[in-house]
Amino acid sequence: MARLEAAERVGLTPIKLNAVVVRGMNDDELADFAALTLERPWHVRFIELMPIANEGEWGEHLPPPGDRLVTDQEMQAQLAAQLGERFTAAVTLDSHEVPGNGPARIVRLPGAKGTLGFITPVSQHFCPTCNRLRLTADGKLRPCLLSDGEVDVIGALRSNANEQELQALLQRAVGNKPESHKLSEDVTPHERVMAQIGG
């Protein structure tokens, strides 16, 4: 908290906090995270846990793979139960009102300085409107977080690709974005974990 407040003091704003909600780990802290937006102009995002090479056991006293996901509906119900009318009276904001909100559905609690966002890649996927690409630290461009497909950008740069070739490479990456992920068919990415992707 001290570091976040220091960042705010020196103007490193807007401050956006992403919280991947995991049952048995932090799902009891949603109301505390939401309360941060009341007094501070911070943007808190609750994100459903994505199955990206994390289906194994995490260790003793940690949730097993099948019990980790907390859906958006569960988050909403918990916030409504804990915050009552303060949450149920939240106002949904248009996407242009919060810069960089990406796929988040954004709400503001009554009287809050900041906002709450809900990112639902599993229970209510937003694939048709996704406009994101990820560039990994080793120079691969990933059109979709929930697919192992990648385009080699660093290889093209190292072989002195010209501007037109790089543009074609980027267009290919955008063209490779799938219409939808395949989680409902039990197809999940396995090549990299989120820390290797840059998520």
Protein backbone atom coordinates (compact mmCIF):
# COMPACT_ATOMS: atom_id res chain seq x y z
CA MET A 1 0.00 0.00 0.00
CA ALA A 2 2.83 2.37 0.83
CA ARG A 3 4.34 1.87 -2.62
CA LEU A 4 0.99 2.40 -4.38
CA GLU A 5 0.45 5.59 -2.41
CA ALA A 6 3.99 6.75 -3.23
CA ALA A 7 3.36 6.09 -6.94
CA GLU A 8 0.21 8.16 -6.74
CA ARG A 9 2.02 11.01 -4.95
CA VAL A 10 4.64 11.30 -7.69
CA GLY A 11 2.05 11.21 -10.47
CA LEU A 12 2.36 7.64 -11.75
CA THR A 13 -1.33 7.57 -12.52
CA PRO A 14 -3.80 6.19 -13.27
CA ILE A 15 -3.17 3.33 -10.86
CA LYS A 16 -4.73 0.06 -11.98
CA LEU A 17 -4.74 -3.01 -9.73
CA ASN A 18 -5.39 -6.38 -11.37
CA ALA A 19 -6.56 -9.13 -9.03
CA VAL A 20 -6.90 -12.66 -10.38
CA VAL A 21 -9.53 -14.10 -8.07
CA VAL A 22 -8.77 -17.63 -6.85
CA ARG A 23 -11.05 -19.61 -4.57
CA GLY A 24 -9.45 -20.32 -1.22
CA MET A 25 -6.70 -17.76 -1.75
CA ASN A 26 -8.11 -14.25 -2.16
CA ASP A 27 -11.81 -14.64 -2.92
CA ASP A 28 -12.61 -13.44 0.60
CA GLU A 29 -10.96 -10.05 -0.10
CA LEU A 30 -13.20 -8.74 -2.90
CA ALA A 31 -14.99 -6.20 -0.71
CA ASP A 32 -11.64 -4.94 0.64
CA PHE A 33 -10.33 -4.43 -2.90
CA ALA A 34 -13.57 -2.72 -3.91
CA ALA A 35 -13.33 -0.40 -0.91
CA LEU A 36 -10.02 0.94 -2.24
CA THR A 37 -11.95 2.67 -5.02
CA LEU A 38 -14.10 4.64 -2.59
CA GLU A 39 -11.38 6.99 -1.32
CA ARG A 40 -8.78 6.65 -4.06
CA PRO A 41 -9.01 7.21 -7.82
CA TRP A 42 -7.70 3.71 -8.42
CA HIS A 43 -9.00 1.21 -10.94
CA VAL A 44 -9.40 -2.29 -9.48
CA ARG A 45 -9.91 -5.18 -11.91
CA PHE A 46 -11.21 -8.60 -10.87
CA ILE A 47 -10.08 -11.25 -13.36
CA GLU A 48 -11.28 -14.82 -13.68
CA LEU A 49 -8.44 -17.33 -13.41
CA MET A 50 -7.48 -18.50 -16.89
CA PRO A 51 -6.30 -22.09 -17.35
CA ILE A 52 -2.88 -21.28 -18.80
CA ALA A 53 -0.45 -24.06 -17.86
CA ASN A 54 -1.62 -23.90 -14.24
CA GLU A 55 -3.75 -27.03 -14.03
CA GLY A 56 -1.28 -28.92 -11.83
CA GLU A 57 -1.20 -29.10 -8.05
CA TRP A 58 0.02 -25.90 -6.39
CA GLY A 59 0.96 -27.46 -3.08
CA GLU A 60 -0.40 -28.32 0.31
CA HIS A 61 -3.24 -26.11 1.61
CA LEU A 62 -3.76 -24.57 -1.85
CA PRO A 63 -6.89 -25.18 -3.93
CA PRO A 64 -6.93 -28.15 -6.34
CA PRO A 65 -7.24 -27.37 -10.07
CA GLY A 66 -11.00 -27.93 -10.38
CA ASP A 67 -11.85 -25.65 -7.43
CA ARG A 68 -9.85 -22.52 -8.28
CA LEU A 69 -12.12 -20.64 -10.67
CA VAL A 70 -14.38 -17.98 -9.18
CA THR A 71 -16.77 -16.89 -11.92
CA ASP A 72 -17.93 -13.36 -12.54
CA GLN A 73 -21.40 -14.32 -11.31
CA GLU A 74 -19.94 -15.52 -8.01
CA MET A 75 -17.89 -12.32 -7.63
CA GLN A 76 -20.98 -10.19 -8.28
CA ALA A 77 -23.06 -12.18 -5.76
CA GLN A 78 -20.37 -11.92 -3.10
CA LEU A 79 -19.93 -8.18 -3.59
CA ALA A 80 -23.69 -7.67 -3.45
CA ALA A 81 -23.89 -9.70 -0.23
CA GLN A 82 -20.99 -7.87 1.43
CA LEU A 83 -21.52 -4.33 0.15
CA GLY A 84 -25.29 -4.36 -0.26
CA GLU A 85 -26.77 -1.31 -1.95
CA ARG A 86 -23.37 0.26 -2.29
CA PHE A 87 -22.64 -2.41 -4.91
CA THR A 88 -26.10 -2.97 -6.38
CA ALA A 89 -26.39 0.79 -7.04
CA ALA A 90 -23.08 0.85 -8.93
CA VAL A 91 -23.21 2.64 -12.28
CA THR A 92 -21.89 0.92 -15.41
CA LEU A 93 -19.50 3.18 -17.33
CA ASP A 94 -19.00 3.43 -21.08
CA SER A 95 -15.71 1.99 -22.28
CA HIS A 96 -14.36 5.43 -23.33
CA GLU A 97 -14.76 6.79 -19.79
CA VAL A 98 -11.84 4.72 -18.47
CA PRO A 99 -8.71 4.77 -20.65
CA GLY A 100 -7.07 1.39 -21.21
CA ASN A 101 -9.95 -0.62 -19.80
CA GLY A 102 -9.64 -3.21 -22.59
CA PRO A 103 -12.00 -6.10 -22.11
CA ALA A 104 -13.15 -5.07 -18.64
CA ARG A 105 -16.77 -4.28 -17.81
CA ILE A 106 -16.42 -1.16 -15.65
CA VAL A 107 -18.63 0.08 -12.80
CA ARG A 108 -18.35 2.87 -10.25
CA LEU A 109 -19.69 2.50 -6.74
CA PRO A 110 -21.82 5.47 -5.59
CA GLY A 111 -19.53 8.30 -4.52
CA ALA A 112 -16.36 6.35 -5.42
CA LYS A 113 -13.30 8.11 -6.81
CA GLY A 114 -12.09 4.98 -8.61
CA THR A 115 -13.69 2.16 -10.57
CA LEU A 116 -14.21 -1.59 -10.44
CA GLY A 117 -13.72 -3.77 -13.49
CA PHE A 118 -14.64 -7.36 -14.24
CA ILE A 119 -12.67 -9.35 -16.81
CA THR A 120 -14.43 -12.60 -17.66
CA PRO A 121 -12.42 -14.66 -20.16
CA VAL A 122 -13.89 -17.95 -18.93
CA SER A 123 -17.55 -17.53 -17.95
CA GLN A 124 -18.47 -14.73 -20.39
CA HIS A 125 -15.74 -14.59 -22.97
CA PHE A 126 -15.25 -11.40 -24.97
CA CYS A 127 -13.41 -12.96 -27.92
CA PRO A 128 -15.43 -11.19 -30.67
CA THR A 129 -14.40 -7.77 -29.35
CA CYS A 130 -10.84 -8.60 -28.23
CA ASN A 131 -8.30 -6.18 -29.67
CA ARG A 132 -5.24 -7.38 -27.74
CA LEU A 133 -1.93 -8.87 -28.81
CA ARG A 134 0.86 -9.83 -26.38
CA LEU A 135 4.54 -9.43 -27.12
CA THR A 136 6.56 -11.86 -25.01
CA ALA A 137 9.96 -11.03 -23.55
CA ASP A 138 11.59 -13.38 -26.08
CA GLY A 139 10.05 -11.62 -29.07
CA LYS A 140 6.99 -13.70 -29.92
CA LEU A 141 3.64 -12.09 -30.65
CA ARG A 142 0.65 -13.95 -29.23
CA PRO A 143 -2.68 -13.20 -30.89
CA CYS A 144 -4.64 -14.92 -28.08
CA LEU A 145 -3.78 -15.65 -24.45
CA LEU A 146 -5.85 -18.82 -24.53
CA SER A 147 -4.08 -20.32 -27.53
CA ASP A 148 -0.47 -21.45 -27.92
CA GLY A 149 -0.15 -19.81 -31.37
CA GLU A 150 2.66 -17.28 -31.72
CA VAL A 151 4.31 -15.23 -34.48
CA ASP A 152 8.10 -14.82 -34.37
CA VAL A 153 8.83 -11.08 -34.38
CA ILE A 154 12.38 -11.22 -33.03
CA GLY A 155 13.43 -13.61 -35.77
CA ALA A 156 12.17 -11.19 -38.41
CA LEU A 157 13.96 -8.27 -36.74
CA ARG A 158 17.21 -10.22 -36.47
CA SER A 159 17.03 -11.08 -40.16
CA ASN A 160 16.69 -7.37 -40.96
CA ALA A 161 13.08 -7.51 -42.13
CA ASN A 162 12.01 -4.26 -43.75
CA GLU A 163 9.00 -2.19 -42.72
CA GLN A 164 6.65 -3.87 -45.20
CA GLU A 165 7.69 -7.34 -44.02
CA LEU A 166 7.13 -6.36 -40.39
CA GLN A 167 3.75 -4.88 -41.25
CA ALA A 168 2.79 -8.13 -43.01
CA LEU A 169 3.93 -10.06 -39.93
CA LEU A 170 1.73 -7.95 -37.65
CA GLN A 171 -1.21 -8.32 -40.03
CA ARG A 172 -0.69 -12.10 -39.98
CA ALA A 173 -0.74 -12.07 -36.18
CA VAL A 174 -4.01 -10.11 -36.16
CA GLY A 175 -5.41 -12.45 -38.81
CA ASN A 176 -4.48 -15.42 -36.60
CA LYS A 177 -6.68 -14.23 -33.75
CA PRO A 178 -9.20 -17.04 -33.26
CA GLU A 179 -12.91 -16.27 -33.30
CA SER A 180 -13.16 -17.74 -29.83
CA HIS A 181 -11.15 -19.72 -27.32
CA LYS A 182 -11.84 -23.43 -26.94
CA LEU A 183 -12.11 -23.74 -23.15
CA SER A 184 -15.57 -25.31 -23.41
CA GLU A 185 -13.96 -28.09 -25.46
CA ASP A 186 -11.20 -28.55 -22.84
CA VAL A 187 -8.60 -27.06 -25.19
CA THR A 188 -6.18 -24.96 -23.13
CA PRO A 189 -2.73 -23.51 -23.84
CA HIS A 190 0.15 -25.55 -22.41
CA GLU A 191 3.34 -24.09 -23.84
CA ARG A 192 3.82 -21.15 -21.46
CA VAL A 193 2.56 -19.94 -18.11
CA MET A 194 1.31 -16.35 -17.71
CA ALA A 195 4.64 -15.14 -16.30
CA GLN A 196 6.31 -16.26 -19.56
CA ILE A 197 3.68 -14.56 -21.70
CA GLY A 198 3.72 -11.22 -19.93
CA GLY A 199 0.32 -11.36 -18.31
